[in-house]
ModelCIF file with pLDDT and N, C-alpha, C, O atoms, coordinates in Angstrom:
data_MODEL
#
_entry.id   MODEL 
#
_entity.id                         1 
_entity.type                       polymer 
_entity.pdbx_number_of_molecules   1 
#
_entity_poly.entity_id                      1 
_entity_poly.type                           'polypeptide(L)' 
_entity_poly.nstd_linkage                   no 
_entity_poly.nstd_monomer                   no 
_entity_poly.pdbx_seq_one_letter_code       VSASSFFTFFNWFIMLTTFLVWRRKNRNKHISWLAFGHPVS 
_entity_poly.pdbx_seq_one_letter_code_can   VSASSFFTFFNWFIMLTTFLVWRRKNRNKHISWLAFGHPVS 
_entity_poly.pdbx_strand_id                 A 
#
loop_
_entity_poly_seq.entity_id 
_entity_poly_seq.num 
_entity_poly_seq.mon_id 
_entity_poly_seq.hetero 
1 1  VAL n 
1 2  SER n 
1 3  ALA n 
1 4  SER n 
1 5  SER n 
1 6  PHE n 
1 7  PHE n 
1 8  THR n 
1 9  PHE n 
1 10 PHE n 
1 11 ASN n 
1 12 TRP n 
1 13 PHE n 
1 14 ILE n 
1 15 MET n 
1 16 LEU n 
1 17 THR n 
1 18 THR n 
1 19 PHE n 
1 20 LEU n 
1 21 VAL n 
1 22 TRP n 
1 23 ARG n 
1 24 ARG n 
1 25 LYS n 
1 26 ASN n 
1 27 ARG n 
1 28 ASN n 
1 29 LYS n 
1 30 HIS n 
1 31 ILE n 
1 32 SER n 
1 33 TRP n 
1 34 LEU n 
1 35 ALA n 
1 36 PHE n 
1 37 GLY n 
1 38 HIS n 
1 39 PRO n 
1 40 VAL n 
1 41 SER n 
#
_struct_asym.id          A 
_struct_asym.entity_id   1 
#
loop_
_ma_qa_metric.id 
_ma_qa_metric.mode 
_ma_qa_metric.name 
_ma_qa_metric.software_group_id 
_ma_qa_metric.type 
1 global pLDDT . pLDDT 
2 local  pLDDT . pLDDT 
#
_ma_qa_metric_global.metric_id      1 
_ma_qa_metric_global.metric_value   89.41 
_ma_qa_metric_global.model_id       1 
_ma_qa_metric_global.ordinal_id     1 
#
loop_
_ma_qa_metric_local.label_asym_id 
_ma_qa_metric_local.label_comp_id 
_ma_qa_metric_local.label_seq_id 
_ma_qa_metric_local.metric_id 
_ma_qa_metric_local.metric_value 
_ma_qa_metric_local.model_id 
_ma_qa_metric_local.ordinal_id 
A VAL 1  2 79.00 1 1  
A SER 2  2 85.00 1 2  
A ALA 3  2 85.00 1 3  
A SER 4  2 85.00 1 4  
A SER 5  2 88.00 1 5  
A PHE 6  2 91.00 1 6  
A PHE 7  2 90.00 1 7  
A THR 8  2 90.00 1 8  
A PHE 9  2 92.00 1 9  
A PHE 10 2 92.00 1 10 
A ASN 11 2 90.00 1 11 
A TRP 12 2 92.00 1 12 
A PHE 13 2 94.00 1 13 
A ILE 14 2 93.00 1 14 
A MET 15 2 91.00 1 15 
A LEU 16 2 94.00 1 16 
A THR 17 2 94.00 1 17 
A THR 18 2 93.00 1 18 
A PHE 19 2 94.00 1 19 
A LEU 20 2 95.00 1 20 
A VAL 21 2 94.00 1 21 
A TRP 22 2 93.00 1 22 
A ARG 23 2 92.00 1 23 
A ARG 24 2 91.00 1 24 
A LYS 25 2 89.00 1 25 
A ASN 26 2 88.00 1 26 
A ARG 27 2 79.00 1 27 
A ASN 28 2 81.00 1 28 
A LYS 29 2 85.00 1 29 
A HIS 30 2 83.00 1 30 
A ILE 31 2 88.00 1 31 
A SER 32 2 85.00 1 32 
A TRP 33 2 85.00 1 33 
A LEU 34 2 85.00 1 34 
A ALA 35 2 88.00 1 35 
A PHE 36 2 89.00 1 36 
A GLY 37 2 91.00 1 37 
A HIS 38 2 91.00 1 38 
A PRO 39 2 92.00 1 39 
A VAL 40 2 95.00 1 40 
A SER 41 2 95.00 1 41 
#
loop_
_atom_site.group_PDB 
_atom_site.id 
_atom_site.type_symbol 
_atom_site.label_atom_id 
_atom_site.label_alt_id 
_atom_site.label_comp_id 
_atom_site.label_asym_id 
_atom_site.label_entity_id 
_atom_site.label_seq_id 
_atom_site.pdbx_PDB_ins_code 
_atom_site.Cartn_x 
_atom_site.Cartn_y 
_atom_site.Cartn_z 
_atom_site.occupancy 
_atom_site.B_iso_or_equiv 
_atom_site.pdbx_formal_charge 
_atom_site.auth_seq_id 
_atom_site.auth_comp_id 
_atom_site.auth_asym_id 
_atom_site.auth_atom_id 
_atom_site.pdbx_PDB_model_num 
ATOM 1   N N  . VAL A 1 1  ? -6.902 64.732 -17.379 1.00 79.00 ? 1  VAL A N  1 
ATOM 2   C CA . VAL A 1 1  ? -6.230 63.802 -17.847 1.00 79.00 ? 1  VAL A CA 1 
ATOM 3   C C  . VAL A 1 1  ? -4.526 63.614 -18.023 1.00 79.00 ? 1  VAL A C  1 
ATOM 4   O O  . VAL A 1 1  ? -4.056 62.600 -18.538 1.00 79.00 ? 1  VAL A O  1 
ATOM 5   N N  . SER A 1 2  ? -3.777 64.610 -17.577 1.00 85.00 ? 2  SER A N  1 
ATOM 6   C CA . SER A 1 2  ? -2.226 64.413 -17.577 1.00 85.00 ? 2  SER A CA 1 
ATOM 7   C C  . SER A 1 2  ? -1.859 64.493 -15.658 1.00 85.00 ? 2  SER A C  1 
ATOM 8   O O  . SER A 1 2  ? -0.945 63.938 -15.050 1.00 85.00 ? 2  SER A O  1 
ATOM 9   N N  . ALA A 1 3  ? -2.713 65.190 -15.243 1.00 85.00 ? 3  ALA A N  1 
ATOM 10  C CA . ALA A 1 3  ? -1.949 64.870 -13.411 1.00 85.00 ? 3  ALA A CA 1 
ATOM 11  C C  . ALA A 1 3  ? -2.495 62.822 -13.261 1.00 85.00 ? 3  ALA A C  1 
ATOM 12  O O  . ALA A 1 3  ? -2.176 62.032 -12.373 1.00 85.00 ? 3  ALA A O  1 
ATOM 13  N N  . SER A 1 4  ? -3.526 62.533 -14.733 1.00 85.00 ? 4  SER A N  1 
ATOM 14  C CA . SER A 1 4  ? -3.781 61.131 -13.971 1.00 85.00 ? 4  SER A CA 1 
ATOM 15  C C  . SER A 1 4  ? -2.767 60.092 -14.443 1.00 85.00 ? 4  SER A C  1 
ATOM 16  O O  . SER A 1 4  ? -2.310 59.114 -13.850 1.00 85.00 ? 4  SER A O  1 
ATOM 17  N N  . SER A 1 5  ? -2.527 60.591 -15.732 1.00 88.00 ? 5  SER A N  1 
ATOM 18  C CA . SER A 1 5  ? -1.528 59.627 -16.818 1.00 88.00 ? 5  SER A CA 1 
ATOM 19  C C  . SER A 1 5  ? -0.357 60.030 -15.900 1.00 88.00 ? 5  SER A C  1 
ATOM 20  O O  . SER A 1 5  ? 0.460  59.235 -15.434 1.00 88.00 ? 5  SER A O  1 
ATOM 21  N N  . PHE A 1 6  ? -0.377 61.546 -15.668 1.00 91.00 ? 6  PHE A N  1 
ATOM 22  C CA . PHE A 1 6  ? 0.890  61.171 -14.965 1.00 91.00 ? 6  PHE A CA 1 
ATOM 23  C C  . PHE A 1 6  ? 1.599  60.221 -13.068 1.00 91.00 ? 6  PHE A C  1 
ATOM 24  O O  . PHE A 1 6  ? 2.597  59.627 -12.660 1.00 91.00 ? 6  PHE A O  1 
ATOM 25  N N  . PHE A 1 7  ? 0.713  60.519 -12.734 1.00 90.00 ? 7  PHE A N  1 
ATOM 26  C CA . PHE A 1 7  ? 0.400  59.025 -11.261 1.00 90.00 ? 7  PHE A CA 1 
ATOM 27  C C  . PHE A 1 7  ? 0.833  57.705 -11.834 1.00 90.00 ? 7  PHE A C  1 
ATOM 28  O O  . PHE A 1 7  ? 1.736  56.963 -11.447 1.00 90.00 ? 7  PHE A O  1 
ATOM 29  N N  . THR A 1 8  ? -0.354 57.512 -13.263 1.00 90.00 ? 8  THR A N  1 
ATOM 30  C CA . THR A 1 8  ? -0.433 56.289 -13.731 1.00 90.00 ? 8  THR A CA 1 
ATOM 31  C C  . THR A 1 8  ? 1.128  56.289 -14.162 1.00 90.00 ? 8  THR A C  1 
ATOM 32  O O  . THR A 1 8  ? 1.622  55.338 -13.556 1.00 90.00 ? 8  THR A O  1 
ATOM 33  N N  . PHE A 1 9  ? 2.005  56.851 -14.843 1.00 92.00 ? 9  PHE A N  1 
ATOM 34  C CA . PHE A 1 9  ? 3.279  56.789 -15.083 1.00 92.00 ? 9  PHE A CA 1 
ATOM 35  C C  . PHE A 1 9  ? 4.467  56.512 -13.860 1.00 92.00 ? 9  PHE A C  1 
ATOM 36  O O  . PHE A 1 9  ? 5.670  56.389 -14.089 1.00 92.00 ? 9  PHE A O  1 
ATOM 37  N N  . PHE A 1 10 ? 3.881  56.453 -12.637 1.00 92.00 ? 10 PHE A N  1 
ATOM 38  C CA . PHE A 1 10 ? 4.073  56.602 -10.922 1.00 92.00 ? 10 PHE A CA 1 
ATOM 39  C C  . PHE A 1 10 ? 4.295  55.479 -10.870 1.00 92.00 ? 10 PHE A C  1 
ATOM 40  O O  . PHE A 1 10 ? 5.466  55.105 -10.914 1.00 92.00 ? 10 PHE A O  1 
ATOM 41  N N  . ASN A 1 11 ? 3.124  54.458 -10.746 1.00 90.00 ? 11 ASN A N  1 
ATOM 42  C CA . ASN A 1 11 ? 2.641  53.754 -10.806 1.00 90.00 ? 11 ASN A CA 1 
ATOM 43  C C  . ASN A 1 11 ? 2.927  52.687 -11.309 1.00 90.00 ? 11 ASN A C  1 
ATOM 44  O O  . ASN A 1 11 ? 3.010  51.731 -10.539 1.00 90.00 ? 11 ASN A O  1 
ATOM 45  N N  . TRP A 1 12 ? 3.134  52.503 -12.510 1.00 92.00 ? 12 TRP A N  1 
ATOM 46  C CA . TRP A 1 12 ? 3.995  51.478 -13.521 1.00 92.00 ? 12 TRP A CA 1 
ATOM 47  C C  . TRP A 1 12 ? 5.408  51.496 -13.025 1.00 92.00 ? 12 TRP A C  1 
ATOM 48  O O  . TRP A 1 12 ? 6.004  50.586 -12.449 1.00 92.00 ? 12 TRP A O  1 
ATOM 49  N N  . PHE A 1 13 ? 5.807  52.591 -13.320 1.00 94.00 ? 13 PHE A N  1 
ATOM 50  C CA . PHE A 1 13 ? 7.147  52.165 -12.443 1.00 94.00 ? 13 PHE A CA 1 
ATOM 51  C C  . PHE A 1 13 ? 7.859  51.403 -11.347 1.00 94.00 ? 13 PHE A C  1 
ATOM 52  O O  . PHE A 1 13 ? 8.958  50.879 -11.167 1.00 94.00 ? 13 PHE A O  1 
ATOM 53  N N  . ILE A 1 14 ? 6.624  51.604 -10.644 1.00 93.00 ? 14 ILE A N  1 
ATOM 54  C CA . ILE A 1 14 ? 6.973  51.026 -8.735  1.00 93.00 ? 14 ILE A CA 1 
ATOM 55  C C  . ILE A 1 14 ? 6.412  49.696 -9.187  1.00 93.00 ? 14 ILE A C  1 
ATOM 56  O O  . ILE A 1 14 ? 6.894  48.660 -8.730  1.00 93.00 ? 14 ILE A O  1 
ATOM 57  N N  . MET A 1 15 ? 5.413  49.666 -10.064 1.00 91.00 ? 15 MET A N  1 
ATOM 58  C CA . MET A 1 15 ? 5.303  47.797 -10.475 1.00 91.00 ? 15 MET A CA 1 
ATOM 59  C C  . MET A 1 15 ? 6.313  47.087 -11.264 1.00 91.00 ? 15 MET A C  1 
ATOM 60  O O  . MET A 1 15 ? 6.336  45.860 -11.170 1.00 91.00 ? 15 MET A O  1 
ATOM 61  N N  . LEU A 1 16 ? 7.160  47.688 -12.037 1.00 94.00 ? 16 LEU A N  1 
ATOM 62  C CA . LEU A 1 16 ? 8.197  46.942 -12.494 1.00 94.00 ? 16 LEU A CA 1 
ATOM 63  C C  . LEU A 1 16 ? 9.326  47.018 -11.601 1.00 94.00 ? 16 LEU A C  1 
ATOM 64  O O  . LEU A 1 16 ? 10.208 46.162 -11.537 1.00 94.00 ? 16 LEU A O  1 
ATOM 65  N N  . THR A 1 17 ? 9.250  48.379 -10.713 1.00 94.00 ? 17 THR A N  1 
ATOM 66  C CA . THR A 1 17 ? 10.546 47.835 -10.307 1.00 94.00 ? 17 THR A CA 1 
ATOM 67  C C  . THR A 1 17 ? 10.142 46.852 -9.093  1.00 94.00 ? 17 THR A C  1 
ATOM 68  O O  . THR A 1 17 ? 11.152 46.154 -9.006  1.00 94.00 ? 17 THR A O  1 
ATOM 69  N N  . THR A 1 18 ? 9.282  46.417 -8.148  1.00 93.00 ? 18 THR A N  1 
ATOM 70  C CA . THR A 1 18 ? 8.914  45.590 -7.566  1.00 93.00 ? 18 THR A CA 1 
ATOM 71  C C  . THR A 1 18 ? 9.124  44.206 -7.756  1.00 93.00 ? 18 THR A C  1 
ATOM 72  O O  . THR A 1 18 ? 9.643  43.402 -6.983  1.00 93.00 ? 18 THR A O  1 
ATOM 73  N N  . PHE A 1 19 ? 8.419  43.943 -9.445  1.00 94.00 ? 19 PHE A N  1 
ATOM 74  C CA . PHE A 1 19 ? 9.256  43.053 -10.450 1.00 94.00 ? 19 PHE A CA 1 
ATOM 75  C C  . PHE A 1 19 ? 10.525 42.889 -10.505 1.00 94.00 ? 19 PHE A C  1 
ATOM 76  O O  . PHE A 1 19 ? 10.838 41.702 -10.425 1.00 94.00 ? 19 PHE A O  1 
ATOM 77  N N  . LEU A 1 20 ? 11.560 43.749 -10.631 1.00 95.00 ? 20 LEU A N  1 
ATOM 78  C CA . LEU A 1 20 ? 12.773 43.093 -10.857 1.00 95.00 ? 20 LEU A CA 1 
ATOM 79  C C  . LEU A 1 20 ? 13.480 42.341 -8.994  1.00 95.00 ? 20 LEU A C  1 
ATOM 80  O O  . LEU A 1 20 ? 14.384 41.543 -8.749  1.00 95.00 ? 20 LEU A O  1 
ATOM 81  N N  . VAL A 1 21 ? 12.538 43.086 -8.107  1.00 94.00 ? 21 VAL A N  1 
ATOM 82  C CA . VAL A 1 21 ? 13.228 42.730 -7.562  1.00 94.00 ? 21 VAL A CA 1 
ATOM 83  C C  . VAL A 1 21 ? 12.980 41.275 -6.645  1.00 94.00 ? 21 VAL A C  1 
ATOM 84  O O  . VAL A 1 21 ? 13.662 40.613 -5.862  1.00 94.00 ? 21 VAL A O  1 
ATOM 85  N N  . TRP A 1 22 ? 11.406 41.178 -7.302  1.00 93.00 ? 22 TRP A N  1 
ATOM 86  C CA . TRP A 1 22 ? 10.730 40.343 -6.819  1.00 93.00 ? 22 TRP A CA 1 
ATOM 87  C C  . TRP A 1 22 ? 11.460 38.845 -7.604  1.00 93.00 ? 22 TRP A C  1 
ATOM 88  O O  . TRP A 1 22 ? 11.451 37.745 -7.052  1.00 93.00 ? 22 TRP A O  1 
ATOM 89  N N  . ARG A 1 23 ? 12.110 39.136 -9.091  1.00 92.00 ? 23 ARG A N  1 
ATOM 90  C CA . ARG A 1 23 ? 12.841 38.378 -9.970  1.00 92.00 ? 23 ARG A CA 1 
ATOM 91  C C  . ARG A 1 23 ? 14.582 37.943 -9.220  1.00 92.00 ? 23 ARG A C  1 
ATOM 92  O O  . ARG A 1 23 ? 15.350 36.981 -9.201  1.00 92.00 ? 23 ARG A O  1 
ATOM 93  N N  . ARG A 1 24 ? 14.540 38.798 -8.896  1.00 91.00 ? 24 ARG A N  1 
ATOM 94  C CA . ARG A 1 24 ? 15.798 38.368 -8.412  1.00 91.00 ? 24 ARG A CA 1 
ATOM 95  C C  . ARG A 1 24 ? 15.957 37.174 -7.280  1.00 91.00 ? 24 ARG A C  1 
ATOM 96  O O  . ARG A 1 24 ? 16.660 36.172 -7.409  1.00 91.00 ? 24 ARG A O  1 
ATOM 97  N N  . LYS A 1 25 ? 15.111 37.530 -6.101  1.00 89.00 ? 25 LYS A N  1 
ATOM 98  C CA . LYS A 1 25 ? 14.285 37.446 -5.130  1.00 89.00 ? 25 LYS A CA 1 
ATOM 99  C C  . LYS A 1 25 ? 14.199 35.356 -6.052  1.00 89.00 ? 25 LYS A C  1 
ATOM 100 O O  . LYS A 1 25 ? 14.899 34.466 -5.569  1.00 89.00 ? 25 LYS A O  1 
ATOM 101 N N  . ASN A 1 26 ? 13.764 35.228 -6.621  1.00 88.00 ? 26 ASN A N  1 
ATOM 102 C CA . ASN A 1 26 ? 12.640 34.254 -7.266  1.00 88.00 ? 26 ASN A CA 1 
ATOM 103 C C  . ASN A 1 26 ? 13.084 33.514 -8.349  1.00 88.00 ? 26 ASN A C  1 
ATOM 104 O O  . ASN A 1 26 ? 12.102 33.180 -9.011  1.00 88.00 ? 26 ASN A O  1 
ATOM 105 N N  . ARG A 1 27 ? 14.454 32.971 -8.990  1.00 79.00 ? 27 ARG A N  1 
ATOM 106 C CA . ARG A 1 27 ? 14.641 32.681 -10.269 1.00 79.00 ? 27 ARG A CA 1 
ATOM 107 C C  . ARG A 1 27 ? 14.013 31.817 -10.996 1.00 79.00 ? 27 ARG A C  1 
ATOM 108 O O  . ARG A 1 27 ? 14.040 31.992 -12.214 1.00 79.00 ? 27 ARG A O  1 
ATOM 109 N N  . ASN A 1 28 ? 13.466 30.948 -10.582 1.00 81.00 ? 28 ASN A N  1 
ATOM 110 C CA . ASN A 1 28 ? 13.492 29.559 -10.952 1.00 81.00 ? 28 ASN A CA 1 
ATOM 111 C C  . ASN A 1 28 ? 11.597 29.160 -10.820 1.00 81.00 ? 28 ASN A C  1 
ATOM 112 O O  . ASN A 1 28 ? 11.026 28.076 -10.933 1.00 81.00 ? 28 ASN A O  1 
ATOM 113 N N  . LYS A 1 29 ? 10.952 30.764 -10.498 1.00 85.00 ? 29 LYS A N  1 
ATOM 114 C CA . LYS A 1 29 ? 9.734  30.726 -10.449 1.00 85.00 ? 29 LYS A CA 1 
ATOM 115 C C  . LYS A 1 29 ? 9.137  30.965 -11.816 1.00 85.00 ? 29 LYS A C  1 
ATOM 116 O O  . LYS A 1 29 ? 9.782  31.332 -12.798 1.00 85.00 ? 29 LYS A O  1 
ATOM 117 N N  . HIS A 1 30 ? 7.422  30.640 -11.766 1.00 83.00 ? 30 HIS A N  1 
ATOM 118 C CA . HIS A 1 30 ? 6.469  30.799 -13.610 1.00 83.00 ? 30 HIS A CA 1 
ATOM 119 C C  . HIS A 1 30 ? 6.643  32.402 -12.938 1.00 83.00 ? 30 HIS A C  1 
ATOM 120 O O  . HIS A 1 30 ? 6.469  32.798 -11.785 1.00 83.00 ? 30 HIS A O  1 
ATOM 121 N N  . ILE A 1 31 ? 7.046  33.098 -14.143 1.00 88.00 ? 31 ILE A N  1 
ATOM 122 C CA . ILE A 1 31 ? 7.152  34.133 -15.239 1.00 88.00 ? 31 ILE A CA 1 
ATOM 123 C C  . ILE A 1 31 ? 6.075  35.003 -16.442 1.00 88.00 ? 31 ILE A C  1 
ATOM 124 O O  . ILE A 1 31 ? 5.957  34.642 -17.613 1.00 88.00 ? 31 ILE A O  1 
ATOM 125 N N  . SER A 1 32 ? 5.562  35.866 -15.994 1.00 85.00 ? 32 SER A N  1 
ATOM 126 C CA . SER A 1 32 ? 3.970  35.629 -17.124 1.00 85.00 ? 32 SER A CA 1 
ATOM 127 C C  . SER A 1 32 ? 4.492  36.030 -18.303 1.00 85.00 ? 32 SER A C  1 
ATOM 128 O O  . SER A 1 32 ? 5.453  36.786 -18.445 1.00 85.00 ? 32 SER A O  1 
ATOM 129 N N  . TRP A 1 33 ? 3.687  35.385 -19.357 1.00 85.00 ? 33 TRP A N  1 
ATOM 130 C CA . TRP A 1 33 ? 4.362  35.289 -20.980 1.00 85.00 ? 33 TRP A CA 1 
ATOM 131 C C  . TRP A 1 33 ? 4.094  36.922 -21.257 1.00 85.00 ? 33 TRP A C  1 
ATOM 132 O O  . TRP A 1 33 ? 4.682  37.672 -22.037 1.00 85.00 ? 33 TRP A O  1 
ATOM 133 N N  . LEU A 1 34 ? 3.017  37.190 -20.353 1.00 85.00 ? 34 LEU A N  1 
ATOM 134 C CA . LEU A 1 34 ? 3.521  38.987 -20.938 1.00 85.00 ? 34 LEU A CA 1 
ATOM 135 C C  . LEU A 1 34 ? 4.424  39.931 -20.750 1.00 85.00 ? 34 LEU A C  1 
ATOM 136 O O  . LEU A 1 34 ? 4.573  40.950 -21.424 1.00 85.00 ? 34 LEU A O  1 
ATOM 137 N N  . ALA A 1 35 ? 5.382  39.377 -19.285 1.00 88.00 ? 35 ALA A N  1 
ATOM 138 C CA . ALA A 1 35 ? 7.069  40.003 -19.517 1.00 88.00 ? 35 ALA A CA 1 
ATOM 139 C C  . ALA A 1 35 ? 7.831  39.346 -20.158 1.00 88.00 ? 35 ALA A C  1 
ATOM 140 O O  . ALA A 1 35 ? 8.613  38.719 -19.444 1.00 88.00 ? 35 ALA A O  1 
ATOM 141 N N  . PHE A 1 36 ? 8.006  39.152 -21.598 1.00 89.00 ? 36 PHE A N  1 
ATOM 142 C CA . PHE A 1 36 ? 9.025  39.045 -22.402 1.00 89.00 ? 36 PHE A CA 1 
ATOM 143 C C  . PHE A 1 36 ? 10.323 39.599 -22.397 1.00 89.00 ? 36 PHE A C  1 
ATOM 144 O O  . PHE A 1 36 ? 10.772 40.678 -22.010 1.00 89.00 ? 36 PHE A O  1 
ATOM 145 N N  . GLY A 1 37 ? 10.712 38.809 -22.810 1.00 91.00 ? 37 GLY A N  1 
ATOM 146 C CA . GLY A 1 37 ? 11.942 39.615 -22.539 1.00 91.00 ? 37 GLY A CA 1 
ATOM 147 C C  . GLY A 1 37 ? 13.000 40.145 -21.505 1.00 91.00 ? 37 GLY A C  1 
ATOM 148 O O  . GLY A 1 37 ? 14.136 40.581 -21.692 1.00 91.00 ? 37 GLY A O  1 
ATOM 149 N N  . HIS A 1 38 ? 12.182 39.949 -20.214 1.00 91.00 ? 38 HIS A N  1 
ATOM 150 C CA . HIS A 1 38 ? 12.431 40.276 -19.015 1.00 91.00 ? 38 HIS A CA 1 
ATOM 151 C C  . HIS A 1 38 ? 13.963 40.005 -19.223 1.00 91.00 ? 38 HIS A C  1 
ATOM 152 O O  . HIS A 1 38 ? 14.360 39.134 -19.998 1.00 91.00 ? 38 HIS A O  1 
ATOM 153 N N  . PRO A 1 39 ? 14.903 40.901 -18.394 1.00 92.00 ? 39 PRO A N  1 
ATOM 154 C CA . PRO A 1 39 ? 14.725 41.717 -17.582 1.00 92.00 ? 39 PRO A CA 1 
ATOM 155 C C  . PRO A 1 39 ? 14.794 42.957 -18.833 1.00 92.00 ? 39 PRO A C  1 
ATOM 156 O O  . PRO A 1 39 ? 14.142 43.988 -19.001 1.00 92.00 ? 39 PRO A O  1 
ATOM 157 N N  . VAL A 1 40 ? 15.679 42.443 -19.442 1.00 95.00 ? 40 VAL A N  1 
ATOM 158 C CA . VAL A 1 40 ? 15.810 43.521 -20.678 1.00 95.00 ? 40 VAL A CA 1 
ATOM 159 C C  . VAL A 1 40 ? 15.241 44.521 -20.811 1.00 95.00 ? 40 VAL A C  1 
ATOM 160 O O  . VAL A 1 40 ? 15.740 45.637 -20.958 1.00 95.00 ? 40 VAL A O  1 
ATOM 161 N N  . SER A 1 41 ? 13.640 44.107 -20.758 1.00 95.00 ? 41 SER A N  1 
ATOM 162 C CA . SER A 1 41 ? 12.586 44.912 -21.597 1.00 95.00 ? 41 SER A CA 1 
ATOM 163 C C  . SER A 1 41 ? 11.783 45.487 -20.795 1.00 95.00 ? 41 SER A C  1 
ATOM 164 O O  . SER A 1 41 ? 10.865 46.181 -21.233 1.00 95.00 ? 41 SER A O  1 
#
């Protein structure tokens, strides 16, 4: 479980990084409601 969760942390961190890079290049496009408070959140 711990090994799986550490990899999950890594995957989620990359997903969030990808979103931030996408956001800088696509400022006027739809952003999911679940990303509320972005980019601070």
